[in-house]
Amino acid sequence: MGIIYRTHLEGIVPESLDGFFAGWPNPPSPETHLAALRGSSHVVLAIDQASGRVVGFINAISDGVLSAFIPLLEVRPEWQGRGIGRELVRRMLAELEGRYSVDLVCDPELAEFYEPLGFGRLQGMGRRDTRALGKSG
């Protein structure tokens, strides 16, 4: 038994997604999390075969032709350090093969995680409204 990876949400319910977003100031609810995954063009899930529990995920939003953006990569804290995050990124990049750009935004301390996976540092701008995290739709 180990981790299985899949690219669909079949059978995933909000309760499958509790325990993510550790340390976020106002984490999204499992219902909002599931809505975000459903609204994504691509999703890869890491599932513990023994429990059937989702232990990690990555999602992307793409125009289907030239570009994609990876907004979220999360691995439950108790599952970190086992290569799950790297494998999720590797599988997502395979899903997005052929795009001119695959971008993501991360906090500065996470850049070293992404650089060996082929990402380079870029300058960007963003706006975040943490009040919106608990909303859905």
C-alpha atoms as a PDB file:
ATOM      1  CA  MET A   1       0.000   0.000   0.000  1.00  0.00           C
ATOM      2  CA  GLY A   2       1.097   3.560  -0.586  1.00  0.00           C
ATOM      3  CA  ILE A   3      -0.016   6.672  -2.368  1.00  0.00           C
ATOM      4  CA  ILE A   4      -2.098   6.616  -5.530  1.00  0.00           C
ATOM      5  CA  TYR A   5      -2.425   9.646  -7.785  1.00  0.00           C
ATOM      6  CA  ARG A   6      -5.441  10.501  -9.860  1.00  0.00           C
ATOM      7  CA  THR A   7      -6.681  13.346 -12.044  1.00  0.00           C
ATOM      8  CA  HIS A   8     -10.403  13.302 -11.299  1.00  0.00           C
ATOM      9  CA  LEU A   9     -12.670  14.245  -8.392  1.00  0.00           C
ATOM     10  CA  GLU A  10     -15.027  11.277  -8.598  1.00  0.00           C
ATOM     11  CA  GLY A  11     -16.095  10.298  -5.081  1.00  0.00           C
ATOM     12  CA  ILE A  12     -14.522  13.349  -3.452  1.00  0.00           C
ATOM     13  CA  VAL A  13     -16.799  15.073  -0.940  1.00  0.00           C
ATOM     14  CA  PRO A  14     -16.020  18.049   1.309  1.00  0.00           C
ATOM     15  CA  GLU A  15     -15.176  15.718   4.209  1.00  0.00           C
ATOM     16  CA  SER A  16     -12.411  14.234   2.030  1.00  0.00           C
ATOM     17  CA  LEU A  17     -10.656  17.606   2.143  1.00  0.00           C
ATOM     18  CA  ASP A  18     -10.533  18.503   5.822  1.00  0.00           C
ATOM     19  CA  GLY A  19      -7.124  19.213   7.332  1.00  0.00           C
ATOM     20  CA  PHE A  20      -5.618  21.262   4.520  1.00  0.00           C
ATOM     21  CA  PHE A  21      -4.439  24.912   4.588  1.00  0.00           C
ATOM     22  CA  ALA A  22      -2.535  24.594   7.877  1.00  0.00           C
ATOM     23  CA  GLY A  23      -1.320  27.985   9.040  1.00  0.00           C
ATOM     24  CA  TRP A  24      -3.588  30.016   6.764  1.00  0.00           C
ATOM     25  CA  PRO A  25      -5.073  33.037   8.584  1.00  0.00           C
ATOM     26  CA  ASN A  26      -8.600  32.300   7.314  1.00  0.00           C
ATOM     27  CA  PRO A  27      -8.556  28.894   5.608  1.00  0.00           C
ATOM     28  CA  PRO A  28     -11.237  28.006   3.084  1.00  0.00           C
ATOM     29  CA  SER A  29     -13.855  25.529   4.219  1.00  0.00           C
ATOM     30  CA  PRO A  30     -13.768  22.016   2.741  1.00  0.00           C
ATOM     31  CA  GLU A  31     -16.866  22.999   0.704  1.00  0.00           C
ATOM     32  CA  THR A  32     -15.068  26.013  -0.765  1.00  0.00           C
ATOM     33  CA  HIS A  33     -11.961  23.901  -1.344  1.00  0.00           C
ATOM     34  CA  LEU A  34     -13.970  21.342  -3.310  1.00  0.00           C
ATOM     35  CA  ALA A  35     -15.660  24.108  -5.324  1.00  0.00           C
ATOM     36  CA  ALA A  36     -12.217  25.493  -6.237  1.00  0.00           C
ATOM     37  CA  LEU A  37     -11.028  22.068  -7.370  1.00  0.00           C
ATOM     38  CA  ARG A  38     -14.189  21.570  -9.434  1.00  0.00           C
ATOM     39  CA  GLY A  39     -13.614  24.951 -11.100  1.00  0.00           C
ATOM     40  CA  SER A  40     -10.050  24.064 -12.069  1.00  0.00           C
ATOM     41  CA  SER A  41      -9.069  22.889 -15.510  1.00  0.00           C
ATOM     42  CA  HIS A  42      -6.660  20.310 -14.044  1.00  0.00           C
ATOM     43  CA  VAL A  43      -6.406  18.545 -10.694  1.00  0.00           C
ATOM     44  CA  VAL A  44      -4.063  15.878  -9.358  1.00  0.00           C
ATOM     45  CA  LEU A  45      -4.872  14.224  -6.036  1.00  0.00           C
ATOM     46  CA  ALA A  46      -2.610  12.126  -3.807  1.00  0.00           C
ATOM     47  CA  ILE A  47      -4.623   9.518  -1.933  1.00  0.00           C
ATOM     48  CA  ASP A  48      -3.460   7.203   0.842  1.00  0.00           C
ATOM     49  CA  GLN A  49      -4.440   3.715  -0.315  1.00  0.00           C
ATOM     50  CA  ALA A  50      -4.846   2.397   3.222  1.00  0.00           C
ATOM     51  CA  SER A  51      -7.354   5.013   4.404  1.00  0.00           C
ATOM     52  CA  GLY A  52      -8.663   6.416   1.105  1.00  0.00           C
ATOM     53  CA  ARG A  53      -7.936   9.877   2.485  1.00  0.00           C
ATOM     54  CA  VAL A  54      -6.774  12.734   0.249  1.00  0.00           C
ATOM     55  CA  VAL A  55      -3.328  13.649   1.583  1.00  0.00           C
ATOM     56  CA  GLY A  56      -2.254  16.119  -1.095  1.00  0.00           C
ATOM     57  CA  PHE A  57      -3.468  17.981  -4.157  1.00  0.00           C
ATOM     58  CA  ILE A  58      -2.440  20.421  -6.858  1.00  0.00           C
ATOM     59  CA  ASN A  59      -4.691  22.334  -9.228  1.00  0.00           C
ATOM     60  CA  ALA A  60      -4.249  24.438 -12.338  1.00  0.00           C
ATOM     61  CA  ILE A  61      -6.242  26.914 -14.358  1.00  0.00           C
ATOM     62  CA  SER A  62      -5.435  26.977 -18.066  1.00  0.00           C
ATOM     63  CA  ASP A  63      -6.570  28.467 -21.348  1.00  0.00           C
ATOM     64  CA  GLY A  64      -5.902  25.037 -22.832  1.00  0.00           C
ATOM     65  CA  VAL A  65      -3.430  26.374 -25.377  1.00  0.00           C
ATOM     66  CA  LEU A  66      -0.610  28.658 -24.223  1.00  0.00           C
ATOM     67  CA  SER A  67      -0.672  29.199 -20.507  1.00  0.00           C
ATOM     68  CA  ALA A  68      -1.571  27.762 -17.150  1.00  0.00           C
ATOM     69  CA  PHE A  69      -1.417  28.937 -13.572  1.00  0.00           C
ATOM     70  CA  ILE A  70      -0.972  26.699 -10.543  1.00  0.00           C
ATOM     71  CA  PRO A  71      -2.766  28.394  -7.645  1.00  0.00           C
ATOM     72  CA  LEU A  72      -2.494  25.669  -5.002  1.00  0.00           C
ATOM     73  CA  LEU A  73      -0.258  22.817  -3.943  1.00  0.00           C
ATOM     74  CA  GLU A  74      -0.924  21.377  -0.513  1.00  0.00           C
ATOM     75  CA  VAL A  75       0.187  18.267   1.340  1.00  0.00           C
ATOM     76  CA  ARG A  76      -1.238  17.564   4.779  1.00  0.00           C
ATOM     77  CA  PRO A  77       1.410  18.430   7.397  1.00  0.00           C
ATOM     78  CA  GLU A  78       1.674  14.855   8.675  1.00  0.00           C
ATOM     79  CA  TRP A  79       2.405  13.624   5.122  1.00  0.00           C
ATOM     80  CA  GLN A  80       5.045  16.219   4.209  1.00  0.00           C
ATOM     81  CA  GLY A  81       8.648  15.224   3.603  1.00  0.00           C
ATOM     82  CA  ARG A  82       7.757  12.048   1.669  1.00  0.00           C
ATOM     83  CA  GLY A  83       8.084  13.398  -1.883  1.00  0.00           C
ATOM     84  CA  ILE A  84       4.334  13.759  -2.398  1.00  0.00           C
ATOM     85  CA  GLY A  85       4.517  17.469  -3.253  1.00  0.00           C
ATOM     86  CA  ARG A  86       7.272  16.903  -5.824  1.00  0.00           C
ATOM     87  CA  GLU A  87       5.309  14.063  -7.400  1.00  0.00           C
ATOM     88  CA  LEU A  88       2.155  16.187  -7.560  1.00  0.00           C
ATOM     89  CA  VAL A  89       4.084  18.953  -9.354  1.00  0.00           C
ATOM     90  CA  ARG A  90       5.730  16.444 -11.711  1.00  0.00           C
ATOM     91  CA  ARG A  91       2.365  14.958 -12.640  1.00  0.00           C
ATOM     92  CA  MET A  92       0.741  18.363 -13.081  1.00  0.00           C
ATOM     93  CA  LEU A  93       3.537  19.512 -15.386  1.00  0.00           C
ATOM     94  CA  ALA A  94       2.971  16.355 -17.450  1.00  0.00           C
ATOM     95  CA  GLU A  95      -0.740  17.263 -17.658  1.00  0.00           C
ATOM     96  CA  LEU A  96       0.229  20.765 -18.827  1.00  0.00           C
ATOM     97  CA  GLU A  97       2.929  19.661 -21.281  1.00  0.00           C
ATOM     98  CA  GLY A  98       3.204  21.889 -24.342  1.00  0.00           C
ATOM     99  CA  ARG A  99       2.060  25.141 -22.739  1.00  0.00           C
ATOM    100  CA  TYR A 100       4.283  28.164 -23.344  1.00  0.00           C
ATOM    101  CA  SER A 101       4.026  29.197 -19.703  1.00  0.00           C
ATOM    102  CA  VAL A 102       3.156  27.467 -16.469  1.00  0.00           C
ATOM    103  CA  ASP A 103       3.305  29.996 -13.667  1.00  0.00           C
ATOM    104  CA  LEU A 104       2.767  29.947  -9.950  1.00  0.00           C
ATOM    105  CA  VAL A 105       3.214  32.335  -7.070  1.00  0.00           C
ATOM    106  CA  CYS A 106       4.789  31.222  -3.816  1.00  0.00           C
ATOM    107  CA  ASP A 107       6.135  32.734  -0.651  1.00  0.00           C
ATOM    108  CA  PRO A 108       9.902  33.438  -0.832  1.00  0.00           C
ATOM    109  CA  GLU A 109      10.824  30.555   1.471  1.00  0.00           C
ATOM    110  CA  LEU A 110       9.173  28.061  -0.916  1.00  0.00           C
ATOM    111  CA  ALA A 111      11.119  29.101  -4.036  1.00  0.00           C
ATOM    112  CA  GLU A 112      13.860  26.556  -3.285  1.00  0.00           C
ATOM    113  CA  PHE A 113      11.244  23.779  -3.422  1.00  0.00           C
ATOM    114  CA  TYR A 114      10.107  24.783  -6.925  1.00  0.00           C
ATOM    115  CA  GLU A 115      13.458  25.623  -8.536  1.00  0.00           C
ATOM    116  CA  PRO A 116      14.658  21.973  -8.873  1.00  0.00           C
ATOM    117  CA  LEU A 117      11.305  21.223 -10.516  1.00  0.00           C
ATOM    118  CA  GLY A 118      12.095  23.603 -13.388  1.00  0.00           C
ATOM    119  CA  PHE A 119      10.576  26.847 -12.144  1.00  0.00           C
ATOM    120  CA  GLY A 120      12.504  30.122 -12.214  1.00  0.00           C
ATOM    121  CA  ARG A 121      12.007  33.253 -10.207  1.00  0.00           C
ATOM    122  CA  LEU A 122       9.923  35.943 -11.896  1.00  0.00           C
ATOM    123  CA  GLN A 123       8.663  39.286 -10.764  1.00  0.00           C
ATOM    124  CA  GLY A 124       4.934  39.466 -10.323  1.00  0.00           C
ATOM    125  CA  MET A 125       2.125  41.330  -8.721  1.00  0.00           C
ATOM    126  CA  GLY A 126      -0.900  40.087  -6.856  1.00  0.00           C
ATOM    127  CA  ARG A 127      -3.813  41.085  -4.728  1.00  0.00           C
ATOM    128  CA  ARG A 128      -5.235  38.928  -1.951  1.00  0.00           C
ATOM    129  CA  ASP A 129      -8.434  39.416   0.006  1.00  0.00           C
ATOM    130  CA  THR A 130      -8.316  36.875   2.838  1.00  0.00           C
ATOM    131  CA  ARG A 131     -11.918  37.763   3.715  1.00  0.00           C
ATOM    132  CA  ALA A 132     -12.970  35.991   0.511  1.00  0.00           C
ATOM    133  CA  LEU A 133     -11.527  32.613   1.532  1.00  0.00           C
ATOM    134  CA  GLY A 134     -14.594  31.394   3.406  1.00  0.00           C
ATOM    135  CA  LYS A 135     -16.951  32.221   0.537  1.00  0.00           C
ATOM    136  CA  SER A 136     -18.013  29.901  -2.245  1.00  0.00           C
ATOM    137  CA  GLY A 137     -19.420  30.643  -5.665  1.00  0.00           C
END
